[in-house]
Amino acid sequence: MDIMTPQLNQSSDLQLLDSLTTGVVCVDDSFRVHYINAAAEQVLRASARKTVGQRLTRLVTLPDSLFKHMRESMEQGQPCTDREIVIGTPSGESNTVDCSISPYRGPNVRRGLVLELIAVDRPLRIARDEAMLTQQEHAQSLLRGLAHEIKNPLGGLRGAAQLLERQLPDEELTEYTSIIIREADRLQDLIDRMLGPASRPQRLRVNIHEVLQHVRRVITAGANEGVVISADYDPSIPEFLNDRNRLIQVLLNVLGNAINAVGERGQITLRTRVLSRHTIGSRQHALVIAVSVIDNGPGVPDNLIDQIFYPMVTGTDHGTGLGLSIAQSIMNQLGGLIEVTSSPGHTNFTVLIPLEPADG
């Protein structure tokens, strides 16, 4: 038995529903899902393949007030709207949405409900991402200007030390010029790292899970035995075009940050999902790969959460504050972004990568 009318099953109508930015979920009187459009997949963080046929209450966590209103709407045949409710998704995340509930009856169809879900935190996230990208561009512009001002005198200092080294009669004195040269080289390397890669990305075929397994092996080799790194991958993600080496560098920095956060014992999860019609900055992409690095460490301090991708900002005594800044700069070059949410016991760095399918 299908909750849809024959007209709704027409492919053109389904395509129309999939083009909406409003999430649409249809359930029967037992709250079993019969239809979910693409926008609702994104809100609920669950695909139609895994959702249709399942009870909605087993897929997501609904507040008691919404569940009560759904029952009342089903029994009384009256629509209603709940605003700014929090829905818990299967991935452990939560979304704040406005939910409109409309009862539905059709020929030879039992009663059901149509739920319209509008993510109210989406505009806030888009605005936050745009602000982050703007701040990153300003920081990079400042760094480039600073690098230019430092490199010239630094090169002169190194050259003078080399000339002096050739003129010194005592080899013991050259130890001091060697120190000057080494420190000048170290500062030059620091500046180059702050600026990030200068060459254009080399976009070739990439398998994100092969990349993640490589990064996982590298990190695990130097991690404490009490740190467990688990994987939760979406096997349906296809190969795509991107710069493999730069993605590896980004993920090494992000996963390395998680390793430092959990210390001697902790749990880290690598998770991959595909987001449809996802906006990065001001540009909407048809498909985006979301690679989440989730740890159960103490979390990012509140005073650092808005600055964590700035150069030289770190929450540890031994960190340089460059890893996450460099990773964010690389993702900007690749058209992506790194987002972070954090609370004690649950920090999630999500690397967003536009999905450009590889031919063949």
Protein backbone atom coordinates (compact mmCIF):
# COMPACT_ATOMS: atom_id res chain seq x y z
CA MET A 1 0.00 0.00 0.00
CA ASP A 2 1.41 3.36 -1.00
CA ILE A 3 0.71 6.66 0.68
CA MET A 4 1.18 8.56 -2.60
CA THR A 5 -1.45 9.17 -5.23
CA PRO A 6 -0.73 7.81 -8.70
CA GLN A 7 0.04 11.36 -9.83
CA LEU A 8 2.81 11.75 -7.23
CA ASN A 9 4.47 8.63 -8.51
CA GLN A 10 5.01 10.21 -11.91
CA SER A 11 8.72 10.81 -12.49
CA SER A 12 8.16 14.46 -13.41
CA ASP A 13 6.43 15.12 -10.06
CA LEU A 14 9.19 13.34 -8.17
CA GLN A 15 11.78 15.44 -9.98
CA LEU A 16 9.81 18.54 -9.02
CA LEU A 17 9.84 17.54 -5.36
CA ASP A 18 13.56 16.78 -5.53
CA SER A 19 14.21 20.28 -6.85
CA LEU A 20 12.72 21.87 -3.73
CA THR A 21 14.95 23.30 -1.00
CA THR A 22 12.24 22.32 1.50
CA GLY A 23 12.51 18.78 2.84
CA VAL A 24 9.41 16.63 2.18
CA VAL A 25 8.75 13.40 4.09
CA CYS A 26 5.58 11.33 3.64
CA VAL A 27 4.59 8.83 6.35
CA ASP A 28 1.59 6.55 6.86
CA ASP A 29 -0.49 6.19 10.02
CA SER A 30 2.19 4.03 11.61
CA PHE A 31 4.80 6.71 10.83
CA ARG A 32 6.50 4.49 8.27
CA VAL A 33 8.30 6.54 5.62
CA HIS A 34 6.94 6.16 2.07
CA TYR A 35 8.74 9.02 0.39
CA ILE A 36 11.61 11.40 1.14
CA ASN A 37 12.96 14.04 -1.25
CA ALA A 38 16.60 15.09 -1.71
CA ALA A 39 16.34 18.12 0.61
CA ALA A 40 14.95 15.93 3.40
CA GLU A 41 17.81 13.47 2.91
CA GLN A 42 20.17 16.32 3.65
CA VAL A 43 18.24 17.53 6.70
CA LEU A 44 17.92 14.04 8.18
CA ARG A 45 21.41 12.93 7.06
CA ALA A 46 19.90 9.72 5.68
CA SER A 47 19.42 8.44 2.14
CA ALA A 48 16.07 7.46 0.66
CA ARG A 49 17.42 3.93 0.14
CA LYS A 50 17.92 3.50 3.91
CA THR A 51 14.86 5.51 4.95
CA VAL A 52 11.88 4.38 2.85
CA GLY A 53 10.00 1.57 4.55
CA GLN A 54 11.39 2.38 8.00
CA ARG A 55 9.55 4.01 10.87
CA LEU A 56 10.52 7.67 11.13
CA THR A 57 10.78 7.41 14.91
CA ARG A 58 13.46 4.72 14.55
CA LEU A 59 15.49 6.75 12.07
CA VAL A 60 15.67 10.09 13.86
CA THR A 61 15.17 11.46 17.33
CA LEU A 62 12.05 13.61 17.49
CA PRO A 63 11.12 15.90 20.37
CA ASP A 64 8.05 14.80 22.33
CA SER A 65 6.16 17.93 21.34
CA LEU A 66 6.53 17.19 17.62
CA PHE A 67 5.55 13.55 18.04
CA LYS A 68 2.45 14.66 19.96
CA HIS A 69 1.47 17.13 17.24
CA MET A 70 1.95 14.47 14.56
CA ARG A 71 -0.47 12.15 16.37
CA GLU A 72 -3.00 14.95 16.89
CA SER A 73 -2.78 15.98 13.24
CA MET A 74 -3.28 12.36 12.17
CA GLU A 75 -6.32 11.87 14.42
CA GLN A 76 -7.99 15.25 13.98
CA GLY A 77 -7.09 15.89 10.34
CA GLN A 78 -5.77 19.36 11.11
CA PRO A 79 -2.41 20.80 9.97
CA CYS A 80 0.00 22.43 12.39
CA THR A 81 3.52 23.85 12.51
CA ASP A 82 6.34 23.44 15.03
CA ARG A 83 9.13 25.99 14.86
CA GLU A 84 12.80 25.68 15.75
CA ILE A 85 12.67 22.06 16.82
CA VAL A 86 15.83 19.97 17.10
CA ILE A 87 15.95 16.65 15.25
CA GLY A 88 18.66 14.12 16.06
CA THR A 89 20.02 12.39 12.94
CA PRO A 90 21.35 8.82 12.55
CA SER A 91 24.91 10.20 12.30
CA GLY A 92 24.65 11.65 15.80
CA GLU A 93 24.31 15.22 14.56
CA SER A 94 21.33 17.47 15.14
CA ASN A 95 19.48 19.93 12.92
CA THR A 96 17.18 22.78 13.91
CA VAL A 97 14.15 22.91 11.62
CA ASP A 98 10.69 24.38 11.20
CA CYS A 99 8.28 21.49 10.61
CA SER A 100 4.86 21.86 8.97
CA ILE A 101 2.56 18.85 9.41
CA SER A 102 -0.26 18.25 6.94
CA PRO A 103 -2.67 15.28 7.08
CA TYR A 104 -3.09 13.37 3.85
CA ARG A 105 -5.81 11.12 2.50
CA GLY A 106 -6.13 9.73 -0.99
CA PRO A 107 -8.13 7.18 -2.99
CA ASN A 108 -7.64 3.69 -1.54
CA VAL A 109 -4.95 5.08 0.76
CA ARG A 110 -4.89 5.06 4.53
CA ARG A 111 -4.42 8.31 6.34
CA GLY A 112 -0.92 9.71 6.52
CA LEU A 113 1.11 12.86 6.99
CA VAL A 114 3.25 15.10 4.82
CA LEU A 115 6.07 16.72 6.78
CA GLU A 116 7.74 19.83 5.37
CA LEU A 117 11.16 20.45 6.93
CA ILE A 118 12.95 23.78 6.60
CA ALA A 119 16.44 23.90 8.09
CA VAL A 120 16.59 27.22 9.93
CA ASP A 121 20.26 26.83 10.82
CA ARG A 122 21.23 26.50 7.14
CA PRO A 123 21.21 30.27 6.41
CA LEU A 124 23.26 30.83 9.57
CA ARG A 125 25.78 28.19 8.50
CA ILE A 126 26.09 29.66 5.00
CA ALA A 127 26.66 33.13 6.46
CA ARG A 128 29.24 31.71 8.88
CA ASP A 129 31.05 29.89 6.07
CA GLU A 130 31.13 33.01 3.92
CA ALA A 131 32.54 35.01 6.84
CA MET A 132 35.16 32.30 7.43
CA LEU A 133 36.22 32.35 3.78
CA THR A 134 36.44 36.14 3.81
CA GLN A 135 38.52 36.10 6.97
CA GLN A 136 40.78 33.43 5.47
CA GLU A 137 41.31 35.56 2.36
CA HIS A 138 42.17 38.59 4.49
CA ALA A 139 44.58 36.52 6.60
CA GLN A 140 46.29 35.16 3.48
CA SER A 141 46.57 38.67 2.02
CA LEU A 142 48.15 39.88 5.25
CA LEU A 143 50.54 36.92 5.28
CA ARG A 144 51.63 37.52 1.69
CA GLY A 145 52.41 41.15 2.47
CA LEU A 146 54.23 40.18 5.66
CA ALA A 147 56.18 37.44 3.85
CA HIS A 148 57.35 39.93 1.21
CA GLU A 149 58.58 42.32 3.90
CA ILE A 150 60.40 39.55 5.77
CA LYS A 151 61.91 37.60 2.86
CA ASN A 152 64.00 40.45 1.46
CA PRO A 153 65.93 41.31 4.66
CA LEU A 154 66.05 37.62 5.57
CA GLY A 155 67.75 36.80 2.26
CA GLY A 156 70.19 39.64 2.79
CA LEU A 157 70.94 38.43 6.32
CA ARG A 158 71.62 34.90 5.08
CA GLY A 159 73.81 36.12 2.23
CA ALA A 160 75.85 38.33 4.55
CA ALA A 161 76.37 35.42 6.94
CA GLN A 162 77.66 33.25 4.06
CA LEU A 163 80.10 35.95 2.95
CA LEU A 164 81.30 36.45 6.53
CA GLU A 165 81.76 32.72 6.96
CA ARG A 166 84.21 32.63 4.02
CA GLN A 167 86.29 35.45 5.52
CA LEU A 168 86.60 34.10 9.05
CA PRO A 169 90.06 32.71 9.79
CA ASP A 170 88.99 30.55 12.72
CA GLU A 171 86.75 27.57 11.98
CA GLU A 172 85.32 27.77 15.49
CA LEU A 173 83.88 31.18 14.65
CA THR A 174 82.00 29.77 11.66
CA GLU A 175 79.76 27.94 14.12
CA TYR A 176 78.03 31.26 14.79
CA THR A 177 77.52 32.07 11.10
CA SER A 178 76.17 28.56 10.61
CA ILE A 179 73.59 29.24 13.31
CA ILE A 180 72.54 32.46 11.53
CA ILE A 181 72.19 30.60 8.22
CA ARG A 182 70.20 27.72 9.77
CA GLU A 183 67.84 30.09 11.59
CA ALA A 184 67.33 32.14 8.43
CA ASP A 185 66.44 28.93 6.56
CA ARG A 186 64.07 27.90 9.37
CA LEU A 187 62.27 31.25 9.20
CA GLN A 188 62.06 30.99 5.41
CA ASP A 189 60.52 27.52 5.73
CA LEU A 190 58.06 28.81 8.34
CA ILE A 191 56.93 31.61 6.01
CA ASP A 192 56.53 29.19 3.09
CA ARG A 193 54.41 26.86 5.23
CA MET A 194 52.21 29.73 6.39
CA LEU A 195 51.55 30.74 2.77
CA GLY A 196 50.65 27.19 1.75
CA PRO A 197 51.24 25.55 -1.66
CA ALA A 198 52.00 28.00 -4.45
CA SER A 199 51.41 25.71 -7.43
CA ARG A 200 48.03 24.94 -8.98
CA PRO A 201 46.20 21.80 -7.78
CA GLN A 202 46.79 18.66 -9.86
CA ARG A 203 43.30 17.18 -10.28
CA LEU A 204 43.43 13.44 -10.91
CA ARG A 205 41.26 10.46 -9.99
CA VAL A 206 40.92 10.11 -6.23
CA ASN A 207 39.32 7.44 -4.05
CA ILE A 208 38.55 9.19 -0.77
CA HIS A 209 38.58 5.98 1.24
CA GLU A 210 41.99 4.97 -0.13
CA VAL A 211 43.24 8.41 0.92
CA LEU A 212 41.72 8.05 4.38
CA GLN A 213 43.18 4.58 4.89
CA HIS A 214 46.61 5.90 3.90
CA VAL A 215 46.31 8.80 6.36
CA ARG A 216 45.02 6.44 9.04
CA ARG A 217 48.06 4.15 8.65
CA VAL A 218 50.49 7.06 8.82
CA ILE A 219 48.86 8.57 11.92
CA THR A 220 48.35 5.22 13.69
CA ALA A 221 52.07 4.46 13.43
CA GLY A 222 52.87 7.36 15.75
CA ALA A 223 49.76 7.36 17.95
CA ASN A 224 49.50 6.08 21.52
CA GLU A 225 48.24 2.52 21.93
CA GLY A 226 45.24 3.79 23.88
CA VAL A 227 43.91 5.73 20.91
CA VAL A 228 41.35 3.86 18.79
CA ILE A 229 40.63 5.12 15.26
CA SER A 230 37.48 3.61 13.74
CA ALA A 231 35.91 4.05 10.30
CA ASP A 232 32.31 4.72 9.25
CA TYR A 233 32.46 5.00 5.45
CA ASP A 234 29.78 5.43 2.81
CA PRO A 235 30.85 2.85 0.21
CA SER A 236 28.70 4.45 -2.50
CA ILE A 237 31.02 7.48 -2.87
CA PRO A 238 32.57 7.26 -6.37
CA GLU A 239 36.04 8.25 -7.47
CA PHE A 240 36.31 11.96 -8.18
CA LEU A 241 38.76 14.54 -9.52
CA ASN A 242 40.97 16.30 -6.99
CA ASP A 243 44.56 16.74 -5.81
CA ARG A 244 45.34 13.58 -3.84
CA ASN A 245 48.54 14.86 -2.22
CA ARG A 246 46.89 18.02 -0.96
CA LEU A 247 43.92 16.11 0.42
CA ILE A 248 46.37 13.86 2.25
CA GLN A 249 48.10 16.91 3.74
CA VAL A 250 44.76 18.36 4.87
CA LEU A 251 43.59 15.12 6.47
CA LEU A 252 46.96 14.50 8.13
CA ASN A 253 46.71 17.90 9.78
CA VAL A 254 43.08 17.44 10.87
CA LEU A 255 43.56 13.87 12.13
CA GLY A 256 46.84 14.86 13.81
CA ASN A 257 44.95 17.60 15.63
CA ALA A 258 42.44 15.00 16.87
CA ILE A 259 45.28 12.74 18.05
CA ASN A 260 46.73 15.59 20.08
CA ALA A 261 43.30 16.40 21.50
CA VAL A 262 42.54 12.92 22.91
CA GLY A 263 45.98 12.44 24.45
CA GLU A 264 46.99 8.97 25.62
CA ARG A 265 43.52 7.41 25.44
CA GLY A 266 40.57 8.28 23.25
CA GLN A 267 38.23 7.43 20.43
CA ILE A 268 38.42 8.94 16.94
CA THR A 269 35.95 8.20 14.14
CA LEU A 270 36.53 8.83 10.45
CA ARG A 271 33.16 9.23 8.72
CA THR A 272 32.26 9.88 5.08
CA ARG A 273 28.91 10.99 3.73
CA VAL A 274 27.57 12.67 0.59
CA LEU A 275 25.58 15.90 0.92
CA SER A 276 23.29 16.96 -1.92
CA ARG A 277 22.87 20.59 -3.02
CA HIS A 278 25.24 21.79 -0.34
CA THR A 279 26.44 25.38 -0.24
CA ILE A 280 30.10 26.21 0.40
CA GLY A 281 30.54 29.93 0.80
CA SER A 282 28.22 31.46 -1.79
CA ARG A 283 28.34 28.55 -4.25
CA GLN A 284 25.92 25.64 -4.22
CA HIS A 285 27.26 22.25 -5.32
CA ALA A 286 25.14 19.36 -6.55
CA LEU A 287 27.13 16.89 -4.44
CA VAL A 288 29.69 17.40 -1.69
CA ILE A 289 31.74 14.78 0.14
CA ALA A 290 31.74 15.37 3.90
CA VAL A 291 34.73 13.77 5.65
CA SER A 292 34.25 14.04 9.41
CA VAL A 293 37.00 13.52 11.97
CA ILE A 294 35.23 13.10 15.31
CA ASP A 295 37.05 12.79 18.62
CA ASN A 296 35.97 12.46 22.25
CA GLY A 297 38.62 14.81 23.60
CA PRO A 298 38.01 17.81 25.87
CA GLY A 299 36.84 20.02 23.00
CA VAL A 300 38.00 23.33 21.56
CA PRO A 301 37.98 26.20 24.09
CA ASP A 302 35.17 28.68 23.48
CA ASN A 303 37.62 31.55 23.07
CA LEU A 304 39.40 29.72 20.21
CA ILE A 305 36.52 28.18 18.25
CA ASP A 306 36.14 31.24 15.97
CA GLN A 307 39.90 31.68 15.50
CA ILE A 308 41.13 28.11 15.23
CA PHE A 309 41.90 28.36 11.50
CA TYR A 310 44.00 31.52 11.91
CA PRO A 311 47.81 31.18 11.66
CA MET A 312 49.66 30.84 14.97
CA VAL A 313 46.46 30.11 16.95
CA THR A 314 46.77 26.95 19.05
CA GLY A 315 45.24 25.52 22.19
CA THR A 316 48.36 23.56 23.20
CA ASP A 317 51.71 24.56 24.64
CA HIS A 318 53.71 22.62 22.04
CA GLY A 319 51.74 23.38 18.86
CA THR A 320 52.77 25.86 16.17
CA GLY A 321 49.22 26.87 15.25
CA LEU A 322 49.93 26.30 11.55
CA GLY A 323 48.40 22.87 10.82
CA LEU A 324 44.73 23.83 10.70
CA SER A 325 45.47 27.18 9.04
CA ILE A 326 47.41 25.44 6.26
CA ALA A 327 44.66 22.79 5.91
CA GLN A 328 41.97 25.47 5.57
CA SER A 329 44.08 27.37 3.03
CA ILE A 330 44.51 24.23 0.92
CA MET A 331 40.78 23.48 1.03
CA ASN A 332 40.07 27.03 -0.14
CA GLN A 333 42.34 26.33 -3.15
CA LEU A 334 40.39 23.12 -3.83
CA GLY A 335 37.02 24.89 -3.61
CA GLY A 336 36.17 23.26 -0.29
CA LEU A 337 36.04 24.18 3.37
CA ILE A 338 36.69 22.82 6.86
CA GLU A 339 33.95 23.32 9.46
CA VAL A 340 34.15 22.61 13.18
CA THR A 341 31.66 22.04 15.96
CA SER A 342 32.86 21.26 19.45
CA SER A 343 31.67 20.46 22.95
CA PRO A 344 33.39 18.51 25.73
CA GLY A 345 33.60 14.90 24.61
CA HIS A 346 32.56 15.53 21.00
CA THR A 347 34.57 17.59 18.51
CA ASN A 348 33.78 17.26 14.81
CA PHE A 349 36.04 18.67 12.09
CA THR A 350 34.26 18.21 8.76
CA VAL A 351 36.21 18.54 5.51
CA LEU A 352 33.82 19.50 2.70
CA ILE A 353 35.02 18.48 -0.78
CA PRO A 354 33.02 19.30 -3.94
CA LEU A 355 32.36 16.03 -5.77
CA GLU A 356 33.54 16.20 -9.37
CA PRO A 357 32.95 12.66 -10.70
CA ALA A 358 35.81 11.07 -12.63
CA ASP A 359 34.77 9.81 -16.08
CA GLY A 360 34.71 6.12 -16.70
